[in-house]
Amino acid sequence: MADGAVGPRLYCCFKCRNPVSCHDDIVSKTFRANNGRAILFSHAMNITLGPKEDSRLITGVHTIADVYCSECGELLGWKYWKAYEESQKYKEGKIVLENRKIVEENW
């Protein structure tokens, strides 16, 4: 990298700063979680998943799994496994991370 160059913009766990997603993987910044705003990502890294469960969300019933930081175990959001309504199918395989649980950093 050239002098003064900034690395990729990453989203990290607010608690331990473990990188969990890239700015380039943002699908939407207009999501809502139980505790406020959230971001929908196409991909996440350095995470572990809880068990799959059906959950009634604002947009209908989905099969989801909680997403945890693989470093410190903090609950960060959830992953959509299955959407039962056709209009929500675009969410399948994507990850929602709560704004209050992540911080943006340049690496």
PDB file of N, CA and C in Angstrom:
ATOM      1  N   MET A   1       0.834  -1.177   0.000  1.00  0.00           N
ATOM      2  CA  MET A   1       0.000   0.000   0.000  1.00  0.00           C
ATOM      3  C   MET A   1       0.883   1.247   0.000  1.00  0.00           C
ATOM      4  N   ALA A   2       0.505   2.234  -0.733  1.00  0.00           N
ATOM      5  CA  ALA A   2       1.280   3.477  -0.818  1.00  0.00           C
ATOM      6  C   ALA A   2       1.198   4.227   0.509  1.00  0.00           C
ATOM      7  N   ASP A   3       2.199   5.091   0.751  1.00  0.00           N
ATOM      8  CA  ASP A   3       2.192   5.887   1.976  1.00  0.00           C
ATOM      9  C   ASP A   3       0.907   6.692   2.065  1.00  0.00           C
ATOM     10  N   GLY A   4       0.300   6.693   3.252  1.00  0.00           N
ATOM     11  CA  GLY A   4      -0.917   7.458   3.470  1.00  0.00           C
ATOM     12  C   GLY A   4      -2.182   6.752   2.992  1.00  0.00           C
ATOM     13  N   ALA A   5      -2.041   5.598   2.346  1.00  0.00           N
ATOM     14  CA  ALA A   5      -3.215   4.878   1.863  1.00  0.00           C
ATOM     15  C   ALA A   5      -3.969   4.291   3.050  1.00  0.00           C
ATOM     16  N   VAL A   6      -5.262   4.274   2.932  1.00  0.00           N
ATOM     17  CA  VAL A   6      -6.120   3.724   3.974  1.00  0.00           C
ATOM     18  C   VAL A   6      -6.617   2.370   3.500  1.00  0.00           C
ATOM     19  N   GLY A   7      -6.630   1.403   4.408  1.00  0.00           N
ATOM     20  CA  GLY A   7      -7.103   0.067   4.076  1.00  0.00           C
ATOM     21  C   GLY A   7      -8.611   0.030   3.933  1.00  0.00           C
ATOM     22  N   PRO A   8      -9.148  -1.160   3.828  1.00  0.00           N
ATOM     23  CA  PRO A   8     -10.599  -1.298   3.639  1.00  0.00           C
ATOM     24  C   PRO A   8     -11.385  -0.798   4.848  1.00  0.00           C
ATOM     25  N   ARG A   9     -12.582  -0.315   4.595  1.00  0.00           N
ATOM     26  CA  ARG A   9     -13.476   0.101   5.663  1.00  0.00           C
ATOM     27  C   ARG A   9     -14.190  -1.143   6.170  1.00  0.00           C
ATOM     28  N   LEU A  10     -13.967  -1.455   7.434  1.00  0.00           N
ATOM     29  CA  LEU A  10     -14.536  -2.646   8.037  1.00  0.00           C
ATOM     30  C   LEU A  10     -15.474  -2.277   9.175  1.00  0.00           C
ATOM     31  N   TYR A  11     -16.438  -3.148   9.414  1.00  0.00           N
ATOM     32  CA  TYR A  11     -17.295  -3.037  10.582  1.00  0.00           C
ATOM     33  C   TYR A  11     -16.819  -4.070  11.582  1.00  0.00           C
ATOM     34  N   CYS A  12     -16.634  -3.630  12.818  1.00  0.00           N
ATOM     35  CA  CYS A  12     -16.055  -4.478  13.853  1.00  0.00           C
ATOM     36  C   CYS A  12     -16.993  -4.557  15.047  1.00  0.00           C
ATOM     37  N   CYS A  13     -16.852  -5.625  15.817  1.00  0.00           N
ATOM     38  CA  CYS A  13     -17.577  -5.770  17.075  1.00  0.00           C
ATOM     39  C   CYS A  13     -17.222  -4.579  17.969  1.00  0.00           C
ATOM     40  N   PHE A  14     -18.212  -3.932  18.531  1.00  0.00           N
ATOM     41  CA  PHE A  14     -17.977  -2.754  19.368  1.00  0.00           C
ATOM     42  C   PHE A  14     -17.222  -3.108  20.642  1.00  0.00           C
ATOM     43  N   LYS A  15     -17.300  -4.358  21.054  1.00  0.00           N
ATOM     44  CA  LYS A  15     -16.729  -4.766  22.333  1.00  0.00           C
ATOM     45  C   LYS A  15     -15.248  -5.121  22.226  1.00  0.00           C
ATOM     46  N   CYS A  16     -14.873  -5.917  21.186  1.00  0.00           N
ATOM     47  CA  CYS A  16     -13.493  -6.396  21.098  1.00  0.00           C
ATOM     48  C   CYS A  16     -12.771  -5.962  19.819  1.00  0.00           C
ATOM     49  N   ARG A  17     -13.479  -5.265  18.924  1.00  0.00           N
ATOM     50  CA  ARG A  17     -12.924  -4.757  17.662  1.00  0.00           C
ATOM     51  C   ARG A  17     -12.561  -5.859  16.660  1.00  0.00           C
ATOM     52  N   ASN A  18     -13.133  -7.041  16.817  1.00  0.00           N
ATOM     53  CA  ASN A  18     -12.977  -8.129  15.857  1.00  0.00           C
ATOM     54  C   ASN A  18     -13.703  -7.721  14.564  1.00  0.00           C
ATOM     55  N   PRO A  19     -13.039  -7.721  13.387  1.00  0.00           N
ATOM     56  CA  PRO A  19     -13.735  -7.354  12.144  1.00  0.00           C
ATOM     57  C   PRO A  19     -14.795  -8.384  11.777  1.00  0.00           C
ATOM     58  N   VAL A  20     -16.014  -7.908  11.505  1.00  0.00           N
ATOM     59  CA  VAL A  20     -17.115  -8.824  11.202  1.00  0.00           C
ATOM     60  C   VAL A  20     -17.742  -8.626   9.827  1.00  0.00           C
ATOM     61  N   SER A  21     -17.509  -7.488   9.175  1.00  0.00           N
ATOM     62  CA  SER A  21     -18.014  -7.297   7.816  1.00  0.00           C
ATOM     63  C   SER A  21     -17.306  -6.119   7.156  1.00  0.00           C
ATOM     64  N   CYS A  22     -17.441  -6.038   5.844  1.00  0.00           N
ATOM     65  CA  CYS A  22     -16.825  -4.975   5.046  1.00  0.00           C
ATOM     66  C   CYS A  22     -17.883  -3.978   4.583  1.00  0.00           C
ATOM     67  N   HIS A  23     -17.467  -2.743   4.464  1.00  0.00           N
ATOM     68  CA  HIS A  23     -18.358  -1.696   3.965  1.00  0.00           C
ATOM     69  C   HIS A  23     -18.916  -2.073   2.591  1.00  0.00           C
ATOM     70  N   ASP A  24     -18.098  -2.706   1.770  1.00  0.00           N
ATOM     71  CA  ASP A  24     -18.525  -3.082   0.415  1.00  0.00           C
ATOM     72  C   ASP A  24     -19.627  -4.140   0.407  1.00  0.00           C
ATOM     73  N   ASP A  25     -19.872  -4.797   1.546  1.00  0.00           N
ATOM     74  CA  ASP A  25     -20.900  -5.846   1.631  1.00  0.00           C
ATOM     75  C   ASP A  25     -22.257  -5.322   2.103  1.00  0.00           C
ATOM     76  N   ILE A  26     -22.386  -4.005   2.272  1.00  0.00           N
ATOM     77  CA  ILE A  26     -23.663  -3.431   2.703  1.00  0.00           C
ATOM     78  C   ILE A  26     -24.700  -3.566   1.595  1.00  0.00           C
ATOM     79  N   VAL A  27     -25.862  -4.101   1.968  1.00  0.00           N
ATOM     80  CA  VAL A  27     -27.003  -4.194   1.062  1.00  0.00           C
ATOM     81  C   VAL A  27     -27.981  -3.055   1.353  1.00  0.00           C
ATOM     82  N   SER A  28     -28.218  -2.784   2.639  1.00  0.00           N
ATOM     83  CA  SER A  28     -29.151  -1.731   3.036  1.00  0.00           C
ATOM     84  C   SER A  28     -28.818  -1.221   4.435  1.00  0.00           C
ATOM     85  N   LYS A  29     -28.914   0.099   4.603  1.00  0.00           N
ATOM     86  CA  LYS A  29     -28.711   0.714   5.919  1.00  0.00           C
ATOM     87  C   LYS A  29     -30.035   1.106   6.567  1.00  0.00           C
ATOM     88  N   THR A  30     -31.148   0.667   6.012  1.00  0.00           N
ATOM     89  CA  THR A  30     -32.464   1.095   6.495  1.00  0.00           C
ATOM     90  C   THR A  30     -33.183   0.028   7.311  1.00  0.00           C
ATOM     91  N   PHE A  31     -32.454  -0.926   7.863  1.00  0.00           N
ATOM     92  CA  PHE A  31     -33.088  -1.987   8.641  1.00  0.00           C
ATOM     93  C   PHE A  31     -33.309  -1.548  10.080  1.00  0.00           C
ATOM     94  N   ARG A  32     -34.276  -2.197  10.730  1.00  0.00           N
ATOM     95  CA  ARG A  32     -34.577  -1.940  12.133  1.00  0.00           C
ATOM     96  C   ARG A  32     -34.392  -3.237  12.909  1.00  0.00           C
ATOM     97  N   ALA A  33     -33.813  -3.113  14.081  1.00  0.00           N
ATOM     98  CA  ALA A  33     -33.687  -4.234  15.002  1.00  0.00           C
ATOM     99  C   ALA A  33     -34.516  -3.906  16.238  1.00  0.00           C
ATOM    100  N   ASN A  34     -34.584  -4.822  17.167  1.00  0.00           N
ATOM    101  CA  ASN A  34     -35.352  -4.582  18.394  1.00  0.00           C
ATOM    102  C   ASN A  34     -34.883  -3.341  19.132  1.00  0.00           C
ATOM    103  N   ASN A  35     -33.587  -3.078  19.057  1.00  0.00           N
ATOM    104  CA  ASN A  35     -33.010  -1.982  19.828  1.00  0.00           C
ATOM    105  C   ASN A  35     -32.556  -0.813  18.972  1.00  0.00           C
ATOM    106  N   GLY A  36     -33.144  -0.638  17.795  1.00  0.00           N
ATOM    107  CA  GLY A  36     -32.778   0.509  16.964  1.00  0.00           C
ATOM    108  C   GLY A  36     -32.375   0.116  15.561  1.00  0.00           C
ATOM    109  N   ARG A  37     -31.589   0.957  14.950  1.00  0.00           N
ATOM    110  CA  ARG A  37     -31.208   0.790  13.556  1.00  0.00           C
ATOM    111  C   ARG A  37     -30.223  -0.360  13.374  1.00  0.00           C
ATOM    112  N   ALA A  38     -30.221  -0.886  12.135  1.00  0.00           N
ATOM    113  CA  ALA A  38     -29.337  -2.003  11.811  1.00  0.00           C
ATOM    114  C   ALA A  38     -28.963  -1.917  10.337  1.00  0.00           C
ATOM    115  N   ILE A  39     -27.950  -2.698   9.957  1.00  0.00           N
ATOM    116  CA  ILE A  39     -27.481  -2.737   8.573  1.00  0.00           C
ATOM    117  C   ILE A  39     -27.580  -4.162   8.061  1.00  0.00           C
ATOM    118  N   LEU A  40     -28.061  -4.311   6.823  1.00  0.00           N
ATOM    119  CA  LEU A  40     -28.133  -5.617   6.164  1.00  0.00           C
ATOM    120  C   LEU A  40     -26.878  -5.789   5.317  1.00  0.00           C
ATOM    121  N   PHE A  41     -26.135  -6.871   5.567  1.00  0.00           N
ATOM    122  CA  PHE A  41     -24.905  -7.188   4.846  1.00  0.00           C
ATOM    123  C   PHE A  41     -25.090  -8.456   4.023  1.00  0.00           C
ATOM    124  N   SER A  42     -24.400  -8.518   2.895  1.00  0.00           N
ATOM    125  CA  SER A  42     -24.439  -9.725   2.060  1.00  0.00           C
ATOM    126  C   SER A  42     -23.526 -10.811   2.602  1.00  0.00           C
ATOM    127  N   HIS A  43     -22.545 -10.424   3.412  1.00  0.00           N
ATOM    128  CA  HIS A  43     -21.555 -11.371   3.919  1.00  0.00           C
ATOM    129  C   HIS A  43     -21.039 -10.886   5.270  1.00  0.00           C
ATOM    130  N   ALA A  44     -20.649 -11.823   6.120  1.00  0.00           N
ATOM    131  CA  ALA A  44     -20.005 -11.487   7.394  1.00  0.00           C
ATOM    132  C   ALA A  44     -18.897 -12.503   7.646  1.00  0.00           C
ATOM    133  N   MET A  45     -17.947 -12.112   8.499  1.00  0.00           N
ATOM    134  CA  MET A  45     -16.808 -12.977   8.822  1.00  0.00           C
ATOM    135  C   MET A  45     -16.575 -12.946  10.324  1.00  0.00           C
ATOM    136  N   ASN A  46     -15.803 -13.885  10.799  1.00  0.00           N
ATOM    137  CA  ASN A  46     -15.442 -13.945  12.223  1.00  0.00           C
ATOM    138  C   ASN A  46     -16.671 -13.936  13.126  1.00  0.00           C
ATOM    139  N   ILE A  47     -17.675 -14.717  12.723  1.00  0.00           N
ATOM    140  CA  ILE A  47     -18.914 -14.821  13.496  1.00  0.00           C
ATOM    141  C   ILE A  47     -19.212 -16.297  13.766  1.00  0.00           C
ATOM    142  N   THR A  48     -20.052 -16.541  14.738  1.00  0.00           N
ATOM    143  CA  THR A  48     -20.634 -17.857  14.962  1.00  0.00           C
ATOM    144  C   THR A  48     -22.137 -17.687  14.950  1.00  0.00           C
ATOM    145  N   LEU A  49     -22.824 -18.761  14.639  1.00  0.00           N
ATOM    146  CA  LEU A  49     -24.281 -18.718  14.522  1.00  0.00           C
ATOM    147  C   LEU A  49     -24.939 -19.566  15.590  1.00  0.00           C
ATOM    148  N   GLY A  50     -26.042 -19.058  16.100  1.00  0.00           N
ATOM    149  CA  GLY A  50     -26.863 -19.832  17.023  1.00  0.00           C
ATOM    150  C   GLY A  50     -27.758 -20.774  16.231  1.00  0.00           C
ATOM    151  N   PRO A  51     -28.632 -21.496  16.912  1.00  0.00           N
ATOM    152  CA  PRO A  51     -29.541 -22.417  16.222  1.00  0.00           C
ATOM    153  C   PRO A  51     -30.573 -21.674  15.376  1.00  0.00           C
ATOM    154  N   LYS A  52     -31.007 -22.329  14.312  1.00  0.00           N
ATOM    155  CA  LYS A  52     -32.057 -21.760  13.468  1.00  0.00           C
ATOM    156  C   LYS A  52     -33.384 -21.828  14.207  1.00  0.00           C
ATOM    157  N   GLU A  53     -34.194 -20.771  14.028  1.00  0.00           N
ATOM    158  CA  GLU A  53     -35.529 -20.764  14.618  1.00  0.00           C
ATOM    159  C   GLU A  53     -36.444 -19.882  13.785  1.00  0.00           C
ATOM    160  N   ASP A  54     -37.715 -20.232  13.774  1.00  0.00           N
ATOM    161  CA  ASP A  54     -38.695 -19.395  13.095  1.00  0.00           C
ATOM    162  C   ASP A  54     -39.055 -18.228  14.000  1.00  0.00           C
ATOM    163  N   SER A  55     -39.116 -17.046  13.413  1.00  0.00           N
ATOM    164  CA  SER A  55     -39.388 -15.848  14.187  1.00  0.00           C
ATOM    165  C   SER A  55     -40.310 -14.930  13.394  1.00  0.00           C
ATOM    166  N   ARG A  56     -41.298 -14.354  14.076  1.00  0.00           N
ATOM    167  CA  ARG A  56     -42.189 -13.384  13.433  1.00  0.00           C
ATOM    168  C   ARG A  56     -41.552 -12.011  13.579  1.00  0.00           C
ATOM    169  N   LEU A  57     -41.117 -11.466  12.454  1.00  0.00           N
ATOM    170  CA  LEU A  57     -40.513 -10.143  12.423  1.00  0.00           C
ATOM    171  C   LEU A  57     -41.503  -9.159  11.812  1.00  0.00           C
ATOM    172  N   ILE A  58     -41.132  -7.905  11.736  1.00  0.00           N
ATOM    173  CA  ILE A  58     -42.016  -6.874  11.177  1.00  0.00           C
ATOM    174  C   ILE A  58     -42.478  -7.249   9.770  1.00  0.00           C
ATOM    175  N   THR A  59     -41.585  -7.864   8.996  1.00  0.00           N
ATOM    176  CA  THR A  59     -41.886  -8.179   7.591  1.00  0.00           C
ATOM    177  C   THR A  59     -42.404  -9.600   7.390  1.00  0.00           C
ATOM    178  N   GLY A  60     -42.786 -10.279   8.462  1.00  0.00           N
ATOM    179  CA  GLY A  60     -43.344 -11.617   8.334  1.00  0.00           C
ATOM    180  C   GLY A  60     -42.504 -12.663   9.046  1.00  0.00           C
ATOM    181  N   VAL A  61     -42.850 -13.928   8.805  1.00  0.00           N
ATOM    182  CA  VAL A  61     -42.144 -15.041   9.440  1.00  0.00           C
ATOM    183  C   VAL A  61     -40.890 -15.371   8.640  1.00  0.00           C
ATOM    184  N   HIS A  62     -39.780 -15.532   9.359  1.00  0.00           N
ATOM    185  CA  HIS A  62     -38.505 -15.890   8.756  1.00  0.00           C
ATOM    186  C   HIS A  62     -37.848 -16.957   9.619  1.00  0.00           C
ATOM    187  N   THR A  63     -37.008 -17.790   9.013  1.00  0.00           N
ATOM    188  CA  THR A  63     -36.123 -18.658   9.780  1.00  0.00           C
ATOM    189  C   THR A  63     -34.812 -17.903   9.906  1.00  0.00           C
ATOM    190  N   ILE A  64     -34.398 -17.670  11.144  1.00  0.00           N
ATOM    191  CA  ILE A  64     -33.202 -16.878  11.411  1.00  0.00           C
ATOM    192  C   ILE A  64     -32.301 -17.617  12.405  1.00  0.00           C
ATOM    193  N   ALA A  65     -31.082 -17.143  12.524  1.00  0.00           N
ATOM    194  CA  ALA A  65     -30.156 -17.618  13.551  1.00  0.00           C
ATOM    195  C   ALA A  65     -29.418 -16.402  14.103  1.00  0.00           C
ATOM    196  N   ASP A  66     -29.268 -16.355  15.399  1.00  0.00           N
ATOM    197  CA  ASP A  66     -28.517 -15.255  16.011  1.00  0.00           C
ATOM    198  C   ASP A  66     -27.070 -15.288  15.527  1.00  0.00           C
ATOM    199  N   VAL A  67     -26.464 -14.104  15.400  1.00  0.00           N
ATOM    200  CA  VAL A  67     -25.071 -13.942  14.973  1.00  0.00           C
ATOM    201  C   VAL A  67     -24.276 -13.413  16.163  1.00  0.00           C
ATOM    202  N   TYR A  68     -23.181 -14.110  16.482  1.00  0.00           N
ATOM    203  CA  TYR A  68     -22.316 -13.737  17.595  1.00  0.00           C
ATOM    204  C   TYR A  68     -20.902 -13.458  17.097  1.00  0.00           C
ATOM    205  N   CYS A  69     -20.203 -12.555  17.761  1.00  0.00           N
ATOM    206  CA  CYS A  69     -18.792 -12.320  17.489  1.00  0.00           C
ATOM    207  C   CYS A  69     -18.024 -13.582  17.866  1.00  0.00           C
ATOM    208  N   SER A  70     -17.169 -14.065  16.957  1.00  0.00           N
ATOM    209  CA  SER A  70     -16.416 -15.292  17.232  1.00  0.00           C
ATOM    210  C   SER A  70     -15.308 -15.065  18.261  1.00  0.00           C
ATOM    211  N   GLU A  71     -14.946 -13.822  18.504  1.00  0.00           N
ATOM    212  CA  GLU A  71     -13.874 -13.519  19.450  1.00  0.00           C
ATOM    213  C   GLU A  71     -14.383 -13.408  20.888  1.00  0.00           C
ATOM    214  N   CYS A  72     -15.414 -12.592  21.106  1.00  0.00           N
ATOM    215  CA  CYS A  72     -15.872 -12.340  22.480  1.00  0.00           C
ATOM    216  C   CYS A  72     -17.263 -12.897  22.785  1.00  0.00           C
ATOM    217  N   GLY A  73     -17.980 -13.384  21.763  1.00  0.00           N
ATOM    218  CA  GLY A  73     -19.292 -13.986  21.985  1.00  0.00           C
ATOM    219  C   GLY A  73     -20.449 -13.009  22.062  1.00  0.00           C
ATOM    220  N   GLU A  74     -20.206 -11.734  21.806  1.00  0.00           N
ATOM    221  CA  GLU A  74     -21.262 -10.717  21.858  1.00  0.00           C
ATOM    222  C   GLU A  74     -22.315 -10.973  20.788  1.00  0.00           C
ATOM    223  N   LEU A  75     -23.596 -10.869  21.145  1.00  0.00           N
ATOM    224  CA  LEU A  75     -24.690 -10.977  20.185  1.00  0.00           C
ATOM    225  C   LEU A  75     -24.695  -9.719  19.331  1.00  0.00           C
ATOM    226  N   LEU A  76     -24.567  -9.862  18.019  1.00  0.00           N
ATOM    227  CA  LEU A  76     -24.462  -8.713  17.112  1.00  0.00           C
ATOM    228  C   LEU A  76     -25.692  -8.510  16.237  1.00  0.00           C
ATOM    229  N   GLY A  77     -26.466  -9.566  15.993  1.00  0.00           N
ATOM    230  CA  GLY A  77     -27.610  -9.466  15.101  1.00  0.00           C
ATOM    231  C   GLY A  77     -28.131 -10.848  14.745  1.00  0.00           C
ATOM    232  N   TRP A  78     -28.512 -11.036  13.480  1.00  0.00           N
ATOM    233  CA  TRP A  78     -29.034 -12.329  13.052  1.00  0.00           C
ATOM    234  C   TRP A  78     -28.785 -12.560  11.575  1.00  0.00           C
ATOM    235  N   LYS A  79     -28.898 -13.833  11.173  1.00  0.00           N
ATOM    236  CA  LYS A  79     -28.788 -14.226   9.773  1.00  0.00           C
ATOM    237  C   LYS A  79     -30.134 -14.753   9.328  1.00  0.00           C
ATOM    238  N   TYR A  80     -30.553 -14.323   8.133  1.00  0.00           N
ATOM    239  CA  TYR A  80     -31.777 -14.839   7.530  1.00  0.00           C
ATOM    240  C   TYR A  80     -31.455 -16.138   6.794  1.00  0.00           C
ATOM    241  N   TRP A  81     -32.091 -17.217   7.193  1.00  0.00           N
ATOM    242  CA  TRP A  81     -31.937 -18.482   6.473  1.00  0.00           C
ATOM    243  C   TRP A  81     -33.051 -18.659   5.445  1.00  0.00           C
ATOM    244  N   LYS A  82     -34.289 -18.323   5.850  1.00  0.00           N
ATOM    245  CA  LYS A  82     -35.422 -18.528   4.952  1.00  0.00           C
ATOM    246  C   LYS A  82     -36.461 -17.445   5.190  1.00  0.00           C
ATOM    247  N   ALA A  83     -37.007 -16.953   4.093  1.00  0.00           N
ATOM    248  CA  ALA A  83     -38.128 -16.009   4.138  1.00  0.00           C
ATOM    249  C   ALA A  83     -39.334 -16.724   3.526  1.00  0.00           C
ATOM    250  N   TYR A  84     -40.458 -16.635   4.184  1.00  0.00           N
ATOM    251  CA  TYR A  84     -41.646 -17.357   3.722  1.00  0.00           C
ATOM    252  C   TYR A  84     -42.500 -16.550   2.754  1.00  0.00           C
ATOM    253  N   GLU A  85     -42.288 -15.237   2.729  1.00  0.00           N
ATOM    254  CA  GLU A  85     -43.036 -14.396   1.794  1.00  0.00           C
ATOM    255  C   GLU A  85     -42.147 -14.068   0.603  1.00  0.00           C
ATOM    256  N   GLU A  86     -42.712 -14.156  -0.580  1.00  0.00           N
ATOM    257  CA  GLU A  86     -41.945 -13.968  -1.816  1.00  0.00           C
ATOM    258  C   GLU A  86     -41.206 -12.633  -1.842  1.00  0.00           C
ATOM    259  N   SER A  87     -41.834 -11.579  -1.352  1.00  0.00           N
ATOM    260  CA  SER A  87     -41.224 -10.247  -1.393  1.00  0.00           C
ATOM    261  C   SER A  87     -40.007 -10.120  -0.466  1.00  0.00           C
ATOM    262  N   GLN A  88     -39.821 -11.090   0.423  1.00  0.00           N
ATOM    263  CA  GLN A  88     -38.728 -11.040   1.387  1.00  0.00           C
ATOM    264  C   GLN A  88     -37.587 -12.003   1.058  1.00  0.00           C
ATOM    265  N   LYS A  89     -37.693 -12.745  -0.034  1.00  0.00           N
ATOM    266  CA  LYS A  89     -36.698 -13.756  -0.404  1.00  0.00           C
ATOM    267  C   LYS A  89     -35.295 -13.179  -0.589  1.00  0.00           C
ATOM    268  N   TYR A  90     -35.192 -11.904  -0.949  1.00  0.00           N
ATOM    269  CA  TYR A  90     -33.879 -11.284  -1.160  1.00  0.00           C
ATOM    270  C   TYR A  90     -33.030 -11.285   0.114  1.00  0.00           C
ATOM    271  N   LYS A  91     -33.636 -11.455   1.277  1.00  0.00           N
ATOM    272  CA  LYS A  91     -32.920 -11.442   2.551  1.00  0.00           C
ATOM    273  C   LYS A  91     -32.222 -12.763   2.852  1.00  0.00           C
ATOM    274  N   GLU A  92     -32.625 -13.826   2.186  1.00  0.00           N
ATOM    275  CA  GLU A  92     -32.088 -15.145   2.502  1.00  0.00           C
ATOM    276  C   GLU A  92     -30.569 -15.177   2.358  1.00  0.00           C
ATOM    277  N   GLY A  93     -29.894 -15.700   3.379  1.00  0.00           N
ATOM    278  CA  GLY A  93     -28.440 -15.795   3.380  1.00  0.00           C
ATOM    279  C   GLY A  93     -27.728 -14.533   3.822  1.00  0.00           C
ATOM    280  N   LYS A  94     -28.467 -13.467   4.071  1.00  0.00           N
ATOM    281  CA  LYS A  94     -27.860 -12.192   4.453  1.00  0.00           C
ATOM    282  C   LYS A  94     -27.864 -12.020   5.973  1.00  0.00           C
ATOM    283  N   ILE A  95     -27.056 -11.081   6.433  1.00  0.00           N
ATOM    284  CA  ILE A  95     -26.830 -10.884   7.855  1.00  0.00           C
ATOM    285  C   ILE A  95     -27.218  -9.468   8.260  1.00  0.00           C
ATOM    286  N   VAL A  96     -27.934  -9.346   9.360  1.00  0.00           N
ATOM    287  CA  VAL A  96     -28.285  -8.051   9.939  1.00  0.00           C
ATOM    288  C   VAL A  96     -27.419  -7.836  11.179  1.00  0.00           C
ATOM    289  N   LEU A  97     -26.709  -6.711  11.209  1.00  0.00           N
ATOM    290  CA  LEU A  97     -25.905  -6.343  12.368  1.00  0.00           C
ATOM    291  C   LEU A  97     -26.449  -5.031  12.936  1.00  0.00           C
ATOM    292  N   GLU A  98     -26.689  -5.011  14.233  1.00  0.00           N
ATOM    293  CA  GLU A  98     -27.244  -3.823  14.879  1.00  0.00           C
ATOM    294  C   GLU A  98     -26.200  -2.711  14.951  1.00  0.00           C
ATOM    295  N   ASN A  99     -26.596  -1.504  14.591  1.00  0.00           N
ATOM    296  CA  ASN A  99     -25.677  -0.355  14.610  1.00  0.00           C
ATOM    297  C   ASN A  99     -25.002  -0.173  15.960  1.00  0.00           C
ATOM    298  N   ARG A 100     -25.732  -0.399  17.034  1.00  0.00           N
ATOM    299  CA  ARG A 100     -25.169  -0.162  18.373  1.00  0.00           C
ATOM    300  C   ARG A 100     -24.168  -1.235  18.772  1.00  0.00           C
ATOM    301  N   LYS A 101     -24.057  -2.324  17.980  1.00  0.00           N
ATOM    302  CA  LYS A 101     -23.154  -3.418  18.318  1.00  0.00           C
ATOM    303  C   LYS A 101     -21.901  -3.465  17.441  1.00  0.00           C
ATOM    304  N   ILE A 102     -21.812  -2.548  16.470  1.00  0.00           N
ATOM    305  CA  ILE A 102     -20.663  -2.528  15.561  1.00  0.00           C
ATOM    306  C   ILE A 102     -20.094  -1.126  15.452  1.00  0.00           C
ATOM    307  N   VAL A 103     -18.807  -1.053  15.111  1.00  0.00           N
ATOM    308  CA  VAL A 103     -18.142   0.225  14.851  1.00  0.00           C
ATOM    309  C   VAL A 103     -17.415   0.129  13.522  1.00  0.00           C
ATOM    310  N   GLU A 104     -17.371   1.239  12.807  1.00  0.00           N
ATOM    311  CA  GLU A 104     -16.694   1.272  11.526  1.00  0.00           C
ATOM    312  C   GLU A 104     -15.239   1.717  11.747  1.00  0.00           C
ATOM    313  N   GLU A 105     -14.317   0.976  11.138  1.00  0.00           N
ATOM    314  CA  GLU A 105     -12.902   1.299  11.279  1.00  0.00           C
ATOM    315  C   GLU A 105     -12.207   1.138   9.933  1.00  0.00           C
ATOM    316  N   ASN A 106     -11.154   1.900   9.708  1.00  0.00           N
ATOM    317  CA  ASN A 106     -10.313   1.745   8.520  1.00  0.00           C
ATOM    318  C   ASN A 106      -9.125   0.879   8.893  1.00  0.00           C
ATOM    319  N   TRP A 107      -8.858  -0.141   8.083  1.00  0.00           N
ATOM    320  CA  TRP A 107      -7.733  -1.044   8.358  1.00  0.00           C
ATOM    321  C   TRP A 107      -6.642  -0.801   7.371  1.00  0.00           C
TER     322      TRP A 107
END
